[in-house]
Amino acid sequence: MVFKWARQVNPSQPLTSSIWNKDKPEYSEQNNWLLQHSDIITYHNYGKYEDQKKDIAEFKSFNRPIICTEYLARTYGSKFETVLPLMKQENVGAINWGLVFGKTQTVYPWGSPVNAPVPEIWHHDIFYEDGKPFDVKEVELIKELTGENE
């Protein structure tokens, strides 16, 4: 109903809602509807390279822009060095969930107990609170792929 209302006011911005739990049958009707009606295909994928590649190939068949709205999960094998080059090659936008270690506590994997020690490998996030990178090589790769220089 929200899409219907939004279309009635002729929005200047594209409409999208992210594909959710793509491989679960109970979401297939909703996801199919979203794929047919979104101006931009948006999706979450915390999987490895092969999972991303499969989703991108499927979503490209809709001939619309594609943005992966959540992807980095180092502890699940979704890493900058494996996923970002693929997204750049395929012209897929990428939004990282988590940036700076702190309030949102996204350095911890899902299901971490309260007061768990900071993990050796952060789940999300890129920087410490003082601006120091968690992994300098990751930041260098991001700069290389985006063409950003200091």
C-alpha atoms as a PDB file:
ATOM      1  CA  MET A   1       0.000   0.000   0.000  1.00  0.00           C
ATOM      2  CA  VAL A   2       2.885   2.391   0.667  1.00  0.00           C
ATOM      3  CA  PHE A   3       4.175   1.945  -2.878  1.00  0.00           C
ATOM      4  CA  LYS A   4       0.679   2.579  -4.248  1.00  0.00           C
ATOM      5  CA  TRP A   5       0.326   5.776  -2.234  1.00  0.00           C
ATOM      6  CA  ALA A   6       3.802   6.944  -3.196  1.00  0.00           C
ATOM      7  CA  ARG A   7       3.166   6.363  -6.894  1.00  0.00           C
ATOM      8  CA  GLN A   8      -0.023   8.438  -6.644  1.00  0.00           C
ATOM      9  CA  VAL A   9       1.985  11.511  -5.643  1.00  0.00           C
ATOM     10  CA  ASN A  10       4.436  10.993  -8.514  1.00  0.00           C
ATOM     11  CA  PRO A  11       7.662  11.038  -6.463  1.00  0.00           C
ATOM     12  CA  SER A  12      10.863  12.465  -7.884  1.00  0.00           C
ATOM     13  CA  GLN A  13      12.895   9.969  -5.840  1.00  0.00           C
ATOM     14  CA  PRO A  14      13.049   6.290  -6.734  1.00  0.00           C
ATOM     15  CA  LEU A  15      11.088   3.811  -4.648  1.00  0.00           C
ATOM     16  CA  THR A  16      12.678   0.696  -3.223  1.00  0.00           C
ATOM     17  CA  SER A  17      12.378  -1.713  -0.363  1.00  0.00           C
ATOM     18  CA  SER A  18      15.080  -4.244   0.329  1.00  0.00           C
ATOM     19  CA  ILE A  19      14.746  -7.901  -0.572  1.00  0.00           C
ATOM     20  CA  TRP A  20      14.650  -9.824   2.698  1.00  0.00           C
ATOM     21  CA  ASN A  21      15.546 -13.444   3.443  1.00  0.00           C
ATOM     22  CA  LYS A  22      15.589 -14.218  -0.257  1.00  0.00           C
ATOM     23  CA  ASP A  23      16.020 -17.957   0.165  1.00  0.00           C
ATOM     24  CA  LYS A  24      13.180 -18.429   2.649  1.00  0.00           C
ATOM     25  CA  PRO A  25       9.903 -19.498   1.012  1.00  0.00           C
ATOM     26  CA  GLU A  26       7.763 -17.480   3.431  1.00  0.00           C
ATOM     27  CA  TYR A  27       9.238 -14.259   1.966  1.00  0.00           C
ATOM     28  CA  SER A  28       9.097 -15.215  -1.716  1.00  0.00           C
ATOM     29  CA  GLU A  29       5.771 -13.510  -2.504  1.00  0.00           C
ATOM     30  CA  GLN A  30       6.862 -10.274  -0.836  1.00  0.00           C
ATOM     31  CA  ASN A  31      10.294 -10.339  -2.460  1.00  0.00           C
ATOM     32  CA  ASN A  32       8.895 -11.101  -5.914  1.00  0.00           C
ATOM     33  CA  TRP A  33       6.524  -8.160  -5.563  1.00  0.00           C
ATOM     34  CA  LEU A  34       9.399  -5.884  -4.529  1.00  0.00           C
ATOM     35  CA  LEU A  35      11.528  -7.009  -7.466  1.00  0.00           C
ATOM     36  CA  GLN A  36       8.699  -6.138  -9.839  1.00  0.00           C
ATOM     37  CA  HIS A  37       7.857  -2.751  -8.298  1.00  0.00           C
ATOM     38  CA  SER A  38      11.076  -1.218  -6.959  1.00  0.00           C
ATOM     39  CA  ASP A  39      12.808   1.387  -9.112  1.00  0.00           C
ATOM     40  CA  ILE A  40      16.137   0.293  -7.649  1.00  0.00           C
ATOM     41  CA  ILE A  41      16.780  -3.288  -6.587  1.00  0.00           C
ATOM     42  CA  THR A  42      18.069  -3.230  -3.004  1.00  0.00           C
ATOM     43  CA  TYR A  43      19.065  -6.280  -1.021  1.00  0.00           C
ATOM     44  CA  HIS A  44      21.025  -7.581   1.967  1.00  0.00           C
ATOM     45  CA  ASN A  45      23.682 -10.239   1.498  1.00  0.00           C
ATOM     46  CA  TYR A  46      26.169 -11.132   4.199  1.00  0.00           C
ATOM     47  CA  GLY A  47      27.412 -14.119   2.247  1.00  0.00           C
ATOM     48  CA  LYS A  48      30.678 -14.918   0.570  1.00  0.00           C
ATOM     49  CA  TYR A  49      31.723 -13.956  -2.962  1.00  0.00           C
ATOM     50  CA  GLU A  50      29.762 -16.782  -4.613  1.00  0.00           C
ATOM     51  CA  ASP A  51      26.531 -15.759  -2.852  1.00  0.00           C
ATOM     52  CA  GLN A  52      26.949 -12.138  -3.915  1.00  0.00           C
ATOM     53  CA  LYS A  53      27.730 -13.127  -7.488  1.00  0.00           C
ATOM     54  CA  LYS A  54      24.590 -15.267  -7.662  1.00  0.00           C
ATOM     55  CA  ASP A  55      22.346 -12.499  -6.314  1.00  0.00           C
ATOM     56  CA  ILE A  56      23.852  -9.864  -8.585  1.00  0.00           C
ATOM     57  CA  ALA A  57      23.338 -12.053 -11.662  1.00  0.00           C
ATOM     58  CA  GLU A  58      19.691 -12.617 -10.712  1.00  0.00           C
ATOM     59  CA  PHE A  59      18.985  -8.961  -9.958  1.00  0.00           C
ATOM     60  CA  LYS A  60      20.657  -7.725 -13.149  1.00  0.00           C
ATOM     61  CA  SER A  61      17.912  -9.466 -15.110  1.00  0.00           C
ATOM     62  CA  PHE A  62      15.535  -6.694 -13.960  1.00  0.00           C
ATOM     63  CA  ASN A  63      17.592  -4.046 -15.780  1.00  0.00           C
ATOM     64  CA  ARG A  64      17.507  -1.611 -12.886  1.00  0.00           C
ATOM     65  CA  PRO A  65      20.186  -0.127 -10.665  1.00  0.00           C
ATOM     66  CA  ILE A  66      21.247  -2.437  -7.843  1.00  0.00           C
ATOM     67  CA  ILE A  67      22.426  -1.554  -4.346  1.00  0.00           C
ATOM     68  CA  CYS A  68      23.502  -4.029  -1.710  1.00  0.00           C
ATOM     69  CA  THR A  69      22.294  -2.258   1.420  1.00  0.00           C
ATOM     70  CA  GLU A  70      24.113  -4.515   3.875  1.00  0.00           C
ATOM     71  CA  TYR A  71      27.048  -6.763   3.145  1.00  0.00           C
ATOM     72  CA  LEU A  72      30.080  -6.595   5.419  1.00  0.00           C
ATOM     73  CA  ALA A  73      30.215  -9.481   7.902  1.00  0.00           C
ATOM     74  CA  ARG A  74      33.850 -10.465   8.231  1.00  0.00           C
ATOM     75  CA  THR A  75      33.041 -13.389  10.505  1.00  0.00           C
ATOM     76  CA  TYR A  76      30.681 -14.800   7.852  1.00  0.00           C
ATOM     77  CA  GLY A  77      33.216 -14.503   5.030  1.00  0.00           C
ATOM     78  CA  SER A  78      31.783 -11.300   3.551  1.00  0.00           C
ATOM     79  CA  LYS A  79      34.852  -9.085   3.405  1.00  0.00           C
ATOM     80  CA  PHE A  80      35.872  -5.914   1.620  1.00  0.00           C
ATOM     81  CA  GLU A  81      38.624  -7.663  -0.316  1.00  0.00           C
ATOM     82  CA  THR A  82      36.303 -10.330  -1.694  1.00  0.00           C
ATOM     83  CA  VAL A  83      32.984  -8.529  -2.148  1.00  0.00           C
ATOM     84  CA  LEU A  84      33.804  -4.915  -3.065  1.00  0.00           C
ATOM     85  CA  PRO A  85      35.830  -5.684  -6.220  1.00  0.00           C
ATOM     86  CA  LEU A  86      32.912  -7.778  -7.492  1.00  0.00           C
ATOM     87  CA  MET A  87      30.436  -4.993  -6.767  1.00  0.00           C
ATOM     88  CA  LYS A  88      32.593  -2.444  -8.543  1.00  0.00           C
ATOM     89  CA  GLN A  89      33.007  -4.755 -11.538  1.00  0.00           C
ATOM     90  CA  GLU A  90      29.246  -5.298 -11.712  1.00  0.00           C
ATOM     91  CA  ASN A  91      28.395  -1.623 -11.028  1.00  0.00           C
ATOM     92  CA  VAL A  92      26.489  -2.477  -7.852  1.00  0.00           C
ATOM     93  CA  GLY A  93      26.251   0.091  -5.068  1.00  0.00           C
ATOM     94  CA  ALA A  94      27.336  -0.985  -1.606  1.00  0.00           C
ATOM     95  CA  ILE A  95      26.290   0.303   1.798  1.00  0.00           C
ATOM     96  CA  ASN A  96      28.230  -0.873   4.813  1.00  0.00           C
ATOM     97  CA  TRP A  97      26.402  -1.435   8.087  1.00  0.00           C
ATOM     98  CA  GLY A  98      28.633   0.081  10.735  1.00  0.00           C
ATOM     99  CA  LEU A  99      31.451   2.566  10.452  1.00  0.00           C
ATOM    100  CA  VAL A 100      32.973   3.506  13.802  1.00  0.00           C
ATOM    101  CA  PHE A 101      33.363   1.237  16.833  1.00  0.00           C
ATOM    102  CA  GLY A 102      31.059   2.615  19.474  1.00  0.00           C
ATOM    103  CA  LYS A 103      27.440   3.150  20.283  1.00  0.00           C
ATOM    104  CA  THR A 104      25.907   0.604  17.907  1.00  0.00           C
ATOM    105  CA  GLN A 105      28.356  -2.137  18.916  1.00  0.00           C
ATOM    106  CA  THR A 106      28.511  -3.631  15.433  1.00  0.00           C
ATOM    107  CA  VAL A 107      31.996  -5.017  15.970  1.00  0.00           C
ATOM    108  CA  TYR A 108      30.238  -7.941  17.636  1.00  0.00           C
ATOM    109  CA  PRO A 109      28.695 -10.769  15.617  1.00  0.00           C
ATOM    110  CA  TRP A 110      24.972 -11.342  15.943  1.00  0.00           C
ATOM    111  CA  GLY A 111      24.077 -13.246  19.083  1.00  0.00           C
ATOM    112  CA  SER A 112      27.105 -12.106  21.089  1.00  0.00           C
ATOM    113  CA  PRO A 113      26.451 -12.196  24.830  1.00  0.00           C
ATOM    114  CA  VAL A 114      26.264  -8.994  26.850  1.00  0.00           C
ATOM    115  CA  ASN A 115      29.699  -7.886  28.044  1.00  0.00           C
ATOM    116  CA  ALA A 116      31.494 -10.151  25.571  1.00  0.00           C
ATOM    117  CA  PRO A 117      35.118  -9.184  24.979  1.00  0.00           C
ATOM    118  CA  VAL A 118      35.836  -7.232  21.808  1.00  0.00           C
ATOM    119  CA  PRO A 119      36.372  -9.856  19.118  1.00  0.00           C
ATOM    120  CA  GLU A 120      39.728 -10.185  17.405  1.00  0.00           C
ATOM    121  CA  ILE A 121      37.972 -10.000  14.040  1.00  0.00           C
ATOM    122  CA  TRP A 122      35.298  -7.314  14.005  1.00  0.00           C
ATOM    123  CA  HIS A 123      31.992  -8.269  12.489  1.00  0.00           C
ATOM    124  CA  HIS A 124      31.287  -4.826  10.981  1.00  0.00           C
ATOM    125  CA  ASP A 125      32.806  -1.359  11.496  1.00  0.00           C
ATOM    126  CA  ILE A 126      35.891   0.097   9.874  1.00  0.00           C
ATOM    127  CA  PHE A 127      37.384   2.570  12.352  1.00  0.00           C
ATOM    128  CA  TYR A 128      38.224   2.900  16.007  1.00  0.00           C
ATOM    129  CA  GLU A 129      36.770   5.945  17.762  1.00  0.00           C
ATOM    130  CA  ASP A 130      40.053   7.828  17.254  1.00  0.00           C
ATOM    131  CA  GLY A 131      39.831   7.352  13.477  1.00  0.00           C
ATOM    132  CA  LYS A 132      42.461   4.624  13.251  1.00  0.00           C
ATOM    133  CA  PRO A 133      41.391   1.866  10.825  1.00  0.00           C
ATOM    134  CA  PHE A 134      40.640  -1.615  12.107  1.00  0.00           C
ATOM    135  CA  ASP A 135      42.565  -2.858   9.061  1.00  0.00           C
ATOM    136  CA  VAL A 136      44.657  -0.396   7.047  1.00  0.00           C
ATOM    137  CA  LYS A 137      44.571  -2.687   3.993  1.00  0.00           C
ATOM    138  CA  GLU A 138      40.771  -2.520   3.924  1.00  0.00           C
ATOM    139  CA  VAL A 139      40.804   1.274   3.923  1.00  0.00           C
ATOM    140  CA  GLU A 140      43.435   1.302   1.176  1.00  0.00           C
ATOM    141  CA  LEU A 141      41.250  -1.021  -0.910  1.00  0.00           C
ATOM    142  CA  ILE A 142      38.169   1.150  -0.392  1.00  0.00           C
ATOM    143  CA  LYS A 143      40.132   4.225  -1.500  1.00  0.00           C
ATOM    144  CA  GLU A 144      41.498   2.374  -4.521  1.00  0.00           C
ATOM    145  CA  LEU A 145      38.080   1.144  -5.617  1.00  0.00           C
ATOM    146  CA  THR A 146      36.362   4.497  -5.072  1.00  0.00           C
ATOM    147  CA  GLY A 147      39.167   6.607  -6.513  1.00  0.00           C
ATOM    148  CA  GLU A 148      39.448   8.570  -3.276  1.00  0.00           C
ATOM    149  CA  ASN A 149      42.795   9.928  -2.182  1.00  0.00           C
ATOM    150  CA  GLU A 150      43.748  11.786   0.967  1.00  0.00           C
END
